[in-house]
Amino acid sequence: MEESAFNALAEAELVRIEAALDACGAELDIENKPGGVLEIEFDNGSKMIINRHTAAREIWVAAKSGGFHFRPDSGRWLASRDGAELYALLSSLVSQQSGTPVELIPG
């Protein structure tokens, strides 16, 4: 996949992730930073970073419980390590970090 096509795909996904986070019901402060970076701060002071990594053609998630890399695959983003789906894993991570059960649904 060419760089420009990946950047457009990843940017669109980051917009969907931000919308899903806004609608999830957890207390979050979301900042959309330049260069394809979402910084999420939780009420407890912890943070999560979600960003596009153009060189690897992946979306990366840095959470309190660890780091995760996702690649596009047939319209979904799957973890390079174990094949987990992006929104399912993000739901779990946000639930853990916020202390509020959430289910993120792509917007």
PDB file of N, CA and C in Angstrom:
ATOM      1  N   MET A   1       0.850  -1.173   0.000  1.00  0.00           N
ATOM      2  CA  MET A   1       0.000   0.000   0.000  1.00  0.00           C
ATOM      3  C   MET A   1       0.898   1.239   0.000  1.00  0.00           C
ATOM      4  N   GLU A   2       0.575   2.154  -0.874  1.00  0.00           N
ATOM      5  CA  GLU A   2       1.363   3.383  -0.939  1.00  0.00           C
ATOM      6  C   GLU A   2       1.135   4.232   0.300  1.00  0.00           C
ATOM      7  N   GLU A   3       2.122   5.065   0.609  1.00  0.00           N
ATOM      8  CA  GLU A   3       2.082   5.896   1.812  1.00  0.00           C
ATOM      9  C   GLU A   3       0.855   6.795   1.850  1.00  0.00           C
ATOM     10  N   SER A   4       0.541   7.446   0.750  1.00  0.00           N
ATOM     11  CA  SER A   4      -0.601   8.368   0.749  1.00  0.00           C
ATOM     12  C   SER A   4      -1.913   7.624   0.970  1.00  0.00           C
ATOM     13  N   ALA A   5      -2.056   6.434   0.395  1.00  0.00           N
ATOM     14  CA  ALA A   5      -3.265   5.634   0.596  1.00  0.00           C
ATOM     15  C   ALA A   5      -3.365   5.178   2.051  1.00  0.00           C
ATOM     16  N   PHE A   6      -2.245   4.752   2.629  1.00  0.00           N
ATOM     17  CA  PHE A   6      -2.264   4.349   4.036  1.00  0.00           C
ATOM     18  C   PHE A   6      -2.623   5.527   4.932  1.00  0.00           C
ATOM     19  N   ASN A   7      -2.009   6.678   4.699  1.00  0.00           N
ATOM     20  CA  ASN A   7      -2.286   7.848   5.545  1.00  0.00           C
ATOM     21  C   ASN A   7      -3.765   8.231   5.494  1.00  0.00           C
ATOM     22  N   ALA A   8      -4.369   8.178   4.325  1.00  0.00           N
ATOM     23  CA  ALA A   8      -5.791   8.500   4.200  1.00  0.00           C
ATOM     24  C   ALA A   8      -6.641   7.468   4.945  1.00  0.00           C
ATOM     25  N   LEU A   9      -6.316   6.189   4.794  1.00  0.00           N
ATOM     26  CA  LEU A   9      -7.048   5.125   5.474  1.00  0.00           C
ATOM     27  C   LEU A   9      -6.908   5.238   6.988  1.00  0.00           C
ATOM     28  N   ALA A  10      -5.687   5.453   7.463  1.00  0.00           N
ATOM     29  CA  ALA A  10      -5.438   5.558   8.904  1.00  0.00           C
ATOM     30  C   ALA A  10      -6.088   6.808   9.485  1.00  0.00           C
ATOM     31  N   GLU A  11      -6.034   7.914   8.769  1.00  0.00           N
ATOM     32  CA  GLU A  11      -6.641   9.149   9.270  1.00  0.00           C
ATOM     33  C   GLU A  11      -8.154   8.983   9.409  1.00  0.00           C
ATOM     34  N   ALA A  12      -8.777   8.340   8.433  1.00  0.00           N
ATOM     35  CA  ALA A  12     -10.219   8.089   8.515  1.00  0.00           C
ATOM     36  C   ALA A  12     -10.538   7.194   9.707  1.00  0.00           C
ATOM     37  N   GLU A  13      -9.682   6.218   9.968  1.00  0.00           N
ATOM     38  CA  GLU A  13      -9.924   5.327  11.110  1.00  0.00           C
ATOM     39  C   GLU A  13      -9.741   6.068  12.424  1.00  0.00           C
ATOM     40  N   LEU A  14      -8.767   6.951  12.507  1.00  0.00           N
ATOM     41  CA  LEU A  14      -8.572   7.735  13.730  1.00  0.00           C
ATOM     42  C   LEU A  14      -9.784   8.625  14.010  1.00  0.00           C
ATOM     43  N   VAL A  15     -10.405   9.149  12.967  1.00  0.00           N
ATOM     44  CA  VAL A  15     -11.630   9.948  13.133  1.00  0.00           C
ATOM     45  C   VAL A  15     -12.743   9.067  13.693  1.00  0.00           C
ATOM     46  N   ARG A  16     -12.879   7.834  13.173  1.00  0.00           N
ATOM     47  CA  ARG A  16     -13.894   6.904  13.678  1.00  0.00           C
ATOM     48  C   ARG A  16     -13.611   6.513  15.130  1.00  0.00           C
ATOM     49  N   ILE A  17     -12.338   6.294  15.450  1.00  0.00           N
ATOM     50  CA  ILE A  17     -11.970   5.953  16.831  1.00  0.00           C
ATOM     51  C   ILE A  17     -12.336   7.092  17.772  1.00  0.00           C
ATOM     52  N   GLU A  18     -12.016   8.324  17.373  1.00  0.00           N
ATOM     53  CA  GLU A  18     -12.335   9.482  18.213  1.00  0.00           C
ATOM     54  C   GLU A  18     -13.845   9.592  18.438  1.00  0.00           C
ATOM     55  N   ALA A  19     -14.634   9.373  17.390  1.00  0.00           N
ATOM     56  CA  ALA A  19     -16.093   9.433  17.521  1.00  0.00           C
ATOM     57  C   ALA A  19     -16.601   8.333  18.459  1.00  0.00           C
ATOM     58  N   ALA A  20     -16.032   7.141  18.348  1.00  0.00           N
ATOM     59  CA  ALA A  20     -16.438   6.031  19.220  1.00  0.00           C
ATOM     60  C   ALA A  20     -16.077   6.327  20.671  1.00  0.00           C
ATOM     61  N   LEU A  21     -14.909   6.916  20.892  1.00  0.00           N
ATOM     62  CA  LEU A  21     -14.501   7.286  22.250  1.00  0.00           C
ATOM     63  C   LEU A  21     -15.412   8.362  22.818  1.00  0.00           C
ATOM     64  N   ASP A  22     -15.764   9.346  21.998  1.00  0.00           N
ATOM     65  CA  ASP A  22     -16.675  10.415  22.444  1.00  0.00           C
ATOM     66  C   ASP A  22     -18.021   9.859  22.880  1.00  0.00           C
ATOM     67  N   ALA A  23     -18.469   8.784  22.224  1.00  0.00           N
ATOM     68  CA  ALA A  23     -19.802   8.241  22.478  1.00  0.00           C
ATOM     69  C   ALA A  23     -19.822   7.111  23.505  1.00  0.00           C
ATOM     70  N   CYS A  24     -18.684   6.723  24.054  1.00  0.00           N
ATOM     71  CA  CYS A  24     -18.616   5.503  24.868  1.00  0.00           C
ATOM     72  C   CYS A  24     -19.143   5.657  26.294  1.00  0.00           C
ATOM     73  N   GLY A  25     -19.272   6.870  26.800  1.00  0.00           N
ATOM     74  CA  GLY A  25     -19.803   7.071  28.137  1.00  0.00           C
ATOM     75  C   GLY A  25     -18.769   7.160  29.242  1.00  0.00           C
ATOM     76  N   ALA A  26     -17.516   6.871  28.957  1.00  0.00           N
ATOM     77  CA  ALA A  26     -16.456   6.993  29.963  1.00  0.00           C
ATOM     78  C   ALA A  26     -15.997   8.443  30.037  1.00  0.00           C
ATOM     79  N   GLU A  27     -15.476   8.822  31.194  1.00  0.00           N
ATOM     80  CA  GLU A  27     -14.944  10.176  31.379  1.00  0.00           C
ATOM     81  C   GLU A  27     -13.552  10.236  30.765  1.00  0.00           C
ATOM     82  N   LEU A  28     -13.455  10.860  29.588  1.00  0.00           N
ATOM     83  CA  LEU A  28     -12.205  10.935  28.845  1.00  0.00           C
ATOM     84  C   LEU A  28     -11.971  12.356  28.357  1.00  0.00           C
ATOM     85  N   ASP A  29     -10.722  12.734  28.280  1.00  0.00           N
ATOM     86  CA  ASP A  29     -10.333  13.971  27.619  1.00  0.00           C
ATOM     87  C   ASP A  29      -9.529  13.554  26.400  1.00  0.00           C
ATOM     88  N   ILE A  30     -10.055  13.832  25.209  1.00  0.00           N
ATOM     89  CA  ILE A  30      -9.420  13.394  23.972  1.00  0.00           C
ATOM     90  C   ILE A  30      -8.841  14.604  23.255  1.00  0.00           C
ATOM     91  N   GLU A  31      -7.574  14.507  22.902  1.00  0.00           N
ATOM     92  CA  GLU A  31      -6.921  15.579  22.157  1.00  0.00           C
ATOM     93  C   GLU A  31      -6.405  14.999  20.842  1.00  0.00           C
ATOM     94  N   ASN A  32      -6.851  15.599  19.748  1.00  0.00           N
ATOM     95  CA  ASN A  32      -6.404  15.199  18.424  1.00  0.00           C
ATOM     96  C   ASN A  32      -5.202  16.068  18.068  1.00  0.00           C
ATOM     97  N   LYS A  33      -4.029  15.456  18.042  1.00  0.00           N
ATOM     98  CA  LYS A  33      -2.795  16.202  17.802  1.00  0.00           C
ATOM     99  C   LYS A  33      -2.353  16.047  16.350  1.00  0.00           C
ATOM    100  N   PRO A  34      -1.553  16.979  15.859  1.00  0.00           N
ATOM    101  CA  PRO A  34      -1.072  16.898  14.480  1.00  0.00           C
ATOM    102  C   PRO A  34      -0.284  15.610  14.236  1.00  0.00           C
ATOM    103  N   GLY A  35      -0.323  15.153  12.989  1.00  0.00           N
ATOM    104  CA  GLY A  35       0.456  13.989  12.607  1.00  0.00           C
ATOM    105  C   GLY A  35      -0.233  12.668  12.850  1.00  0.00           C
ATOM    106  N   GLY A  36      -1.545  12.695  13.084  1.00  0.00           N
ATOM    107  CA  GLY A  36      -2.270  11.451  13.273  1.00  0.00           C
ATOM    108  C   GLY A  36      -2.112  10.856  14.646  1.00  0.00           C
ATOM    109  N   VAL A  37      -2.263  11.682  15.686  1.00  0.00           N
ATOM    110  CA  VAL A  37      -2.103  11.226  17.067  1.00  0.00           C
ATOM    111  C   VAL A  37      -3.343  11.602  17.881  1.00  0.00           C
ATOM    112  N   LEU A  38      -3.916  10.604  18.569  1.00  0.00           N
ATOM    113  CA  LEU A  38      -4.970  10.855  19.542  1.00  0.00           C
ATOM    114  C   LEU A  38      -4.382  10.606  20.922  1.00  0.00           C
ATOM    115  N   GLU A  39      -4.504  11.586  21.794  1.00  0.00           N
ATOM    116  CA  GLU A  39      -4.058  11.427  23.171  1.00  0.00           C
ATOM    117  C   GLU A  39      -5.301  11.431  24.053  1.00  0.00           C
ATOM    118  N   ILE A  40      -5.488  10.338  24.791  1.00  0.00           N
ATOM    119  CA  ILE A  40      -6.650  10.188  25.650  1.00  0.00           C
ATOM    120  C   ILE A  40      -6.180  10.232  27.096  1.00  0.00           C
ATOM    121  N   GLU A  41      -6.776  11.129  27.878  1.00  0.00           N
ATOM    122  CA  GLU A  41      -6.460  11.193  29.301  1.00  0.00           C
ATOM    123  C   GLU A  41      -7.699  10.783  30.083  1.00  0.00           C
ATOM    124  N   PHE A  42      -7.486   9.912  31.055  1.00  0.00           N
ATOM    125  CA  PHE A  42      -8.560   9.388  31.892  1.00  0.00           C
ATOM    126  C   PHE A  42      -8.634  10.182  33.185  1.00  0.00           C
ATOM    127  N   ASP A  43      -9.774  10.075  33.883  1.00  0.00           N
ATOM    128  CA  ASP A  43      -9.969  10.778  35.152  1.00  0.00           C
ATOM    129  C   ASP A  43      -8.895  10.440  36.183  1.00  0.00           C
ATOM    130  N   ASN A  44      -8.360   9.232  36.118  1.00  0.00           N
ATOM    131  CA  ASN A  44      -7.343   8.814  37.081  1.00  0.00           C
ATOM    132  C   ASN A  44      -5.941   9.315  36.728  1.00  0.00           C
ATOM    133  N   GLY A  45      -5.831  10.120  35.668  1.00  0.00           N
ATOM    134  CA  GLY A  45      -4.549  10.695  35.261  1.00  0.00           C
ATOM    135  C   GLY A  45      -3.762   9.853  34.284  1.00  0.00           C
ATOM    136  N   SER A  46      -4.188   8.617  34.037  1.00  0.00           N
ATOM    137  CA  SER A  46      -3.462   7.786  33.076  1.00  0.00           C
ATOM    138  C   SER A  46      -3.787   8.240  31.654  1.00  0.00           C
ATOM    139  N   LYS A  47      -2.933   7.853  30.723  1.00  0.00           N
ATOM    140  CA  LYS A  47      -3.109   8.251  29.326  1.00  0.00           C
ATOM    141  C   LYS A  47      -3.017   7.046  28.411  1.00  0.00           C
ATOM    142  N   MET A  48      -3.587   7.224  27.231  1.00  0.00           N
ATOM    143  CA  MET A  48      -3.480   6.267  26.147  1.00  0.00           C
ATOM    144  C   MET A  48      -3.177   7.071  24.894  1.00  0.00           C
ATOM    145  N   ILE A  49      -2.279   6.568  24.081  1.00  0.00           N
ATOM    146  CA  ILE A  49      -1.930   7.226  22.825  1.00  0.00           C
ATOM    147  C   ILE A  49      -2.285   6.286  21.687  1.00  0.00           C
ATOM    148  N   ILE A  50      -2.992   6.811  20.697  1.00  0.00           N
ATOM    149  CA  ILE A  50      -3.314   6.055  19.489  1.00  0.00           C
ATOM    150  C   ILE A  50      -2.780   6.884  18.321  1.00  0.00           C
ATOM    151  N   ASN A  51      -1.938   6.258  17.505  1.00  0.00           N
ATOM    152  CA  ASN A  51      -1.360   7.015  16.392  1.00  0.00           C
ATOM    153  C   ASN A  51      -1.133   6.134  15.179  1.00  0.00           C
ATOM    154  N   ARG A  52      -1.012   6.790  14.055  1.00  0.00           N
ATOM    155  CA  ARG A  52      -0.651   6.057  12.841  1.00  0.00           C
ATOM    156  C   ARG A  52       0.870   6.007  12.755  1.00  0.00           C
ATOM    157  N   HIS A  53       1.370   4.885  12.311  1.00  0.00           N
ATOM    158  CA  HIS A  53       2.810   4.719  12.111  1.00  0.00           C
ATOM    159  C   HIS A  53       2.993   4.410  10.632  1.00  0.00           C
ATOM    160  N   THR A  54       3.300   5.461   9.881  1.00  0.00           N
ATOM    161  CA  THR A  54       3.320   5.355   8.432  1.00  0.00           C
ATOM    162  C   THR A  54       4.370   4.369   7.933  1.00  0.00           C
ATOM    163  N   ALA A  55       5.564   4.383   8.500  1.00  0.00           N
ATOM    164  CA  ALA A  55       6.628   3.503   8.018  1.00  0.00           C
ATOM    165  C   ALA A  55       6.221   2.030   8.106  1.00  0.00           C
ATOM    166  N   ALA A  56       5.538   1.649   9.178  1.00  0.00           N
ATOM    167  CA  ALA A  56       5.124   0.256   9.365  1.00  0.00           C
ATOM    168  C   ALA A  56       3.745  -0.017   8.756  1.00  0.00           C
ATOM    169  N   ARG A  57       3.038   1.047   8.308  1.00  0.00           N
ATOM    170  CA  ARG A  57       1.672   0.939   7.792  1.00  0.00           C
ATOM    171  C   ARG A  57       0.748   0.321   8.842  1.00  0.00           C
ATOM    172  N   GLU A  58       0.824   0.854  10.060  1.00  0.00           N
ATOM    173  CA  GLU A  58       0.054   0.350  11.178  1.00  0.00           C
ATOM    174  C   GLU A  58      -0.529   1.500  12.002  1.00  0.00           C
ATOM    175  N   ILE A  59      -1.549   1.186  12.782  1.00  0.00           N
ATOM    176  CA  ILE A  59      -2.024   2.068  13.847  1.00  0.00           C
ATOM    177  C   ILE A  59      -1.491   1.466  15.135  1.00  0.00           C
ATOM    178  N   TRP A  60      -0.872   2.313  15.947  1.00  0.00           N
ATOM    179  CA  TRP A  60      -0.274   1.864  17.199  1.00  0.00           C
ATOM    180  C   TRP A  60      -1.083   2.394  18.370  1.00  0.00           C
ATOM    181  N   VAL A  61      -1.227   1.569  19.392  1.00  0.00           N
ATOM    182  CA  VAL A  61      -1.912   1.939  20.618  1.00  0.00           C
ATOM    183  C   VAL A  61      -0.946   1.724  21.776  1.00  0.00           C
ATOM    184  N   ALA A  62      -0.714   2.780  22.550  1.00  0.00           N
ATOM    185  CA  ALA A  62       0.094   2.673  23.766  1.00  0.00           C
ATOM    186  C   ALA A  62      -0.850   2.896  24.939  1.00  0.00           C
ATOM    187  N   ALA A  63      -1.061   1.839  25.723  1.00  0.00           N
ATOM    188  CA  ALA A  63      -1.968   1.876  26.863  1.00  0.00           C
ATOM    189  C   ALA A  63      -1.190   1.507  28.119  1.00  0.00           C
ATOM    190  N   LYS A  64      -1.841   1.679  29.249  1.00  0.00           N
ATOM    191  CA  LYS A  64      -1.228   1.347  30.529  1.00  0.00           C
ATOM    192  C   LYS A  64      -0.779  -0.115  30.564  1.00  0.00           C
ATOM    193  N   SER A  65      -1.542  -0.988  29.903  1.00  0.00           N
ATOM    194  CA  SER A  65      -1.235  -2.422  29.918  1.00  0.00           C
ATOM    195  C   SER A  65      -0.259  -2.868  28.838  1.00  0.00           C
ATOM    196  N   GLY A  66       0.148  -1.959  27.941  1.00  0.00           N
ATOM    197  CA  GLY A  66       1.126  -2.341  26.930  1.00  0.00           C
ATOM    198  C   GLY A  66       0.914  -1.657  25.598  1.00  0.00           C
ATOM    199  N   GLY A  67       1.702  -2.078  24.620  1.00  0.00           N
ATOM    200  CA  GLY A  67       1.640  -1.513  23.283  1.00  0.00           C
ATOM    201  C   GLY A  67       1.076  -2.527  22.297  1.00  0.00           C
ATOM    202  N   PHE A  68       0.327  -2.030  21.318  1.00  0.00           N
ATOM    203  CA  PHE A  68      -0.347  -2.887  20.351  1.00  0.00           C
ATOM    204  C   PHE A  68      -0.238  -2.258  18.968  1.00  0.00           C
ATOM    205  N   HIS A  69      -0.065  -3.097  17.941  1.00  0.00           N
ATOM    206  CA  HIS A  69       0.065  -2.639  16.562  1.00  0.00           C
ATOM    207  C   HIS A  69      -1.020  -3.294  15.724  1.00  0.00           C
ATOM    208  N   PHE A  70      -1.687  -2.498  14.871  1.00  0.00           N
ATOM    209  CA  PHE A  70      -2.798  -2.981  14.057  1.00  0.00           C
ATOM    210  C   PHE A  70      -2.543  -2.682  12.586  1.00  0.00           C
ATOM    211  N   ARG A  71      -2.824  -3.678  11.749  1.00  0.00           N
ATOM    212  CA  ARG A  71      -2.671  -3.541  10.298  1.00  0.00           C
ATOM    213  C   ARG A  71      -4.037  -3.648   9.629  1.00  0.00           C
ATOM    214  N   PRO A  72      -4.223  -2.911   8.523  1.00  0.00           N
ATOM    215  CA  PRO A  72      -5.497  -3.040   7.803  1.00  0.00           C
ATOM    216  C   PRO A  72      -5.573  -4.408   7.113  1.00  0.00           C
ATOM    217  N   ASP A  73      -6.756  -5.028   7.191  1.00  0.00           N
ATOM    218  CA  ASP A  73      -6.949  -6.340   6.595  1.00  0.00           C
ATOM    219  C   ASP A  73      -8.420  -6.496   6.220  1.00  0.00           C
ATOM    220  N   SER A  74      -8.712  -6.428   4.951  1.00  0.00           N
ATOM    221  CA  SER A  74     -10.081  -6.634   4.439  1.00  0.00           C
ATOM    222  C   SER A  74     -11.114  -5.755   5.138  1.00  0.00           C
ATOM    223  N   GLY A  75     -10.798  -4.482   5.302  1.00  0.00           N
ATOM    224  CA  GLY A  75     -11.739  -3.526   5.885  1.00  0.00           C
ATOM    225  C   GLY A  75     -11.722  -3.454   7.394  1.00  0.00           C
ATOM    226  N   ARG A  76     -10.870  -4.247   8.050  1.00  0.00           N
ATOM    227  CA  ARG A  76     -10.752  -4.209   9.511  1.00  0.00           C
ATOM    228  C   ARG A  76      -9.294  -3.958   9.867  1.00  0.00           C
ATOM    229  N   TRP A  77      -9.068  -3.586  11.110  1.00  0.00           N
ATOM    230  CA  TRP A  77      -7.712  -3.403  11.628  1.00  0.00           C
ATOM    231  C   TRP A  77      -7.463  -4.514  12.637  1.00  0.00           C
ATOM    232  N   LEU A  78      -6.452  -5.346  12.355  1.00  0.00           N
ATOM    233  CA  LEU A  78      -6.172  -6.504  13.191  1.00  0.00           C
ATOM    234  C   LEU A  78      -4.786  -6.393  13.813  1.00  0.00           C
ATOM    235  N   ALA A  79      -4.678  -6.839  15.071  1.00  0.00           N
ATOM    236  CA  ALA A  79      -3.407  -6.786  15.790  1.00  0.00           C
ATOM    237  C   ALA A  79      -2.395  -7.694  15.109  1.00  0.00           C
ATOM    238  N   SER A  80      -1.192  -7.169  14.925  1.00  0.00           N
ATOM    239  CA  SER A  80      -0.147  -7.943  14.257  1.00  0.00           C
ATOM    240  C   SER A  80       0.315  -9.120  15.113  1.00  0.00           C
ATOM    241  N   ARG A  81       0.136  -9.033  16.413  1.00  0.00           N
ATOM    242  CA  ARG A  81       0.603 -10.079  17.321  1.00  0.00           C
ATOM    243  C   ARG A  81      -0.351 -11.275  17.388  1.00  0.00           C
ATOM    244  N   ASP A  82      -1.662 -10.991  17.563  1.00  0.00           N
ATOM    245  CA  ASP A  82      -2.591 -12.100  17.802  1.00  0.00           C
ATOM    246  C   ASP A  82      -3.875 -12.040  16.975  1.00  0.00           C
ATOM    247  N   GLY A  83      -3.991 -11.068  16.071  1.00  0.00           N
ATOM    248  CA  GLY A  83      -5.169 -10.972  15.216  1.00  0.00           C
ATOM    249  C   GLY A  83      -6.389 -10.348  15.866  1.00  0.00           C
ATOM    250  N   ALA A  84      -6.240  -9.806  17.085  1.00  0.00           N
ATOM    251  CA  ALA A  84      -7.363  -9.160  17.758  1.00  0.00           C
ATOM    252  C   ALA A  84      -7.865  -7.975  16.936  1.00  0.00           C
ATOM    253  N   GLU A  85      -9.165  -7.755  16.959  1.00  0.00           N
ATOM    254  CA  GLU A  85      -9.764  -6.653  16.219  1.00  0.00           C
ATOM    255  C   GLU A  85      -9.605  -5.361  17.021  1.00  0.00           C
ATOM    256  N   LEU A  86      -9.317  -4.274  16.326  1.00  0.00           N
ATOM    257  CA  LEU A  86      -9.000  -2.989  16.944  1.00  0.00           C
ATOM    258  C   LEU A  86     -10.050  -2.539  17.955  1.00  0.00           C
ATOM    259  N   TYR A  87     -11.319  -2.498  17.565  1.00  0.00           N
ATOM    260  CA  TYR A  87     -12.345  -1.948  18.452  1.00  0.00           C
ATOM    261  C   TYR A  87     -12.612  -2.860  19.652  1.00  0.00           C
ATOM    262  N   ALA A  88     -12.506  -4.172  19.465  1.00  0.00           N
ATOM    263  CA  ALA A  88     -12.678  -5.091  20.589  1.00  0.00           C
ATOM    264  C   ALA A  88     -11.566  -4.878  21.615  1.00  0.00           C
ATOM    265  N   LEU A  89     -10.338  -4.760  21.143  1.00  0.00           N
ATOM    266  CA  LEU A  89      -9.232  -4.548  22.073  1.00  0.00           C
ATOM    267  C   LEU A  89      -9.294  -3.163  22.704  1.00  0.00           C
ATOM    268  N   LEU A  90      -9.620  -2.142  21.921  1.00  0.00           N
ATOM    269  CA  LEU A  90      -9.748  -0.795  22.486  1.00  0.00           C
ATOM    270  C   LEU A  90     -10.847  -0.752  23.552  1.00  0.00           C
ATOM    271  N   SER A  91     -11.952  -1.453  23.319  1.00  0.00           N
ATOM    272  CA  SER A  91     -13.021  -1.506  24.323  1.00  0.00           C
ATOM    273  C   SER A  91     -12.493  -2.051  25.634  1.00  0.00           C
ATOM    274  N   SER A  92     -11.728  -3.116  25.549  1.00  0.00           N
ATOM    275  CA  SER A  92     -11.149  -3.719  26.749  1.00  0.00           C
ATOM    276  C   SER A  92     -10.151  -2.781  27.424  1.00  0.00           C
ATOM    277  N   LEU A  93      -9.281  -2.177  26.641  1.00  0.00           N
ATOM    278  CA  LEU A  93      -8.262  -1.278  27.194  1.00  0.00           C
ATOM    279  C   LEU A  93      -8.879  -0.050  27.851  1.00  0.00           C
ATOM    280  N   VAL A  94      -9.865   0.558  27.189  1.00  0.00           N
ATOM    281  CA  VAL A  94     -10.516   1.750  27.744  1.00  0.00           C
ATOM    282  C   VAL A  94     -11.291   1.370  29.005  1.00  0.00           C
ATOM    283  N   SER A  95     -11.934   0.216  29.000  1.00  0.00           N
ATOM    284  CA  SER A  95     -12.648  -0.255  30.191  1.00  0.00           C
ATOM    285  C   SER A  95     -11.693  -0.423  31.363  1.00  0.00           C
ATOM    286  N   GLN A  96     -10.547  -1.050  31.104  1.00  0.00           N
ATOM    287  CA  GLN A  96      -9.556  -1.258  32.159  1.00  0.00           C
ATOM    288  C   GLN A  96      -9.034   0.061  32.700  1.00  0.00           C
ATOM    289  N   GLN A  97      -8.668   0.963  31.798  1.00  0.00           N
ATOM    290  CA  GLN A  97      -8.040   2.199  32.223  1.00  0.00           C
ATOM    291  C   GLN A  97      -9.018   3.181  32.845  1.00  0.00           C
ATOM    292  N   SER A  98     -10.257   3.168  32.403  1.00  0.00           N
ATOM    293  CA  SER A  98     -11.240   4.120  32.920  1.00  0.00           C
ATOM    294  C   SER A  98     -11.971   3.592  34.149  1.00  0.00           C
ATOM    295  N   GLY A  99     -11.995   2.260  34.296  1.00  0.00           N
ATOM    296  CA  GLY A  99     -12.761   1.669  35.385  1.00  0.00           C
ATOM    297  C   GLY A  99     -14.255   1.626  35.088  1.00  0.00           C
ATOM    298  N   THR A 100     -14.624   1.928  33.850  1.00  0.00           N
ATOM    299  CA  THR A 100     -16.011   1.924  33.403  1.00  0.00           C
ATOM    300  C   THR A 100     -16.143   0.950  32.242  1.00  0.00           C
ATOM    301  N   PRO A 101     -17.051  -0.019  32.319  1.00  0.00           N
ATOM    302  CA  PRO A 101     -17.222  -0.936  31.177  1.00  0.00           C
ATOM    303  C   PRO A 101     -17.730  -0.158  29.956  1.00  0.00           C
ATOM    304  N   VAL A 102     -17.030  -0.296  28.840  1.00  0.00           N
ATOM    305  CA  VAL A 102     -17.444   0.375  27.614  1.00  0.00           C
ATOM    306  C   VAL A 102     -17.340  -0.596  26.445  1.00  0.00           C
ATOM    307  N   GLU A 103     -18.120  -0.322  25.425  1.00  0.00           N
ATOM    308  CA  GLU A 103     -18.007  -1.027  24.163  1.00  0.00           C
ATOM    309  C   GLU A 103     -17.891   0.030  23.080  1.00  0.00           C
ATOM    310  N   LEU A 104     -16.738   0.064  22.443  1.00  0.00           N
ATOM    311  CA  LEU A 104     -16.536   1.026  21.368  1.00  0.00           C
ATOM    312  C   LEU A 104     -17.088   0.447  20.077  1.00  0.00           C
ATOM    313  N   ILE A 105     -17.914   1.241  19.424  1.00  0.00           N
ATOM    314  CA  ILE A 105     -18.537   0.830  18.173  1.00  0.00           C
ATOM    315  C   ILE A 105     -18.055   1.787  17.087  1.00  0.00           C
ATOM    316  N   PRO A 106     -17.493   1.237  16.003  1.00  0.00           N
ATOM    317  CA  PRO A 106     -17.011   2.122  14.931  1.00  0.00           C
ATOM    318  C   PRO A 106     -18.123   3.012  14.421  1.00  0.00           C
ATOM    319  N   GLY A 107     -17.804   4.295  14.247  1.00  0.00           N
ATOM    320  CA  GLY A 107     -18.811   5.255  13.785  1.00  0.00           C
ATOM    321  C   GLY A 107     -18.784   5.480  12.325  1.00  0.00           C
TER     322      GLY A 107
END
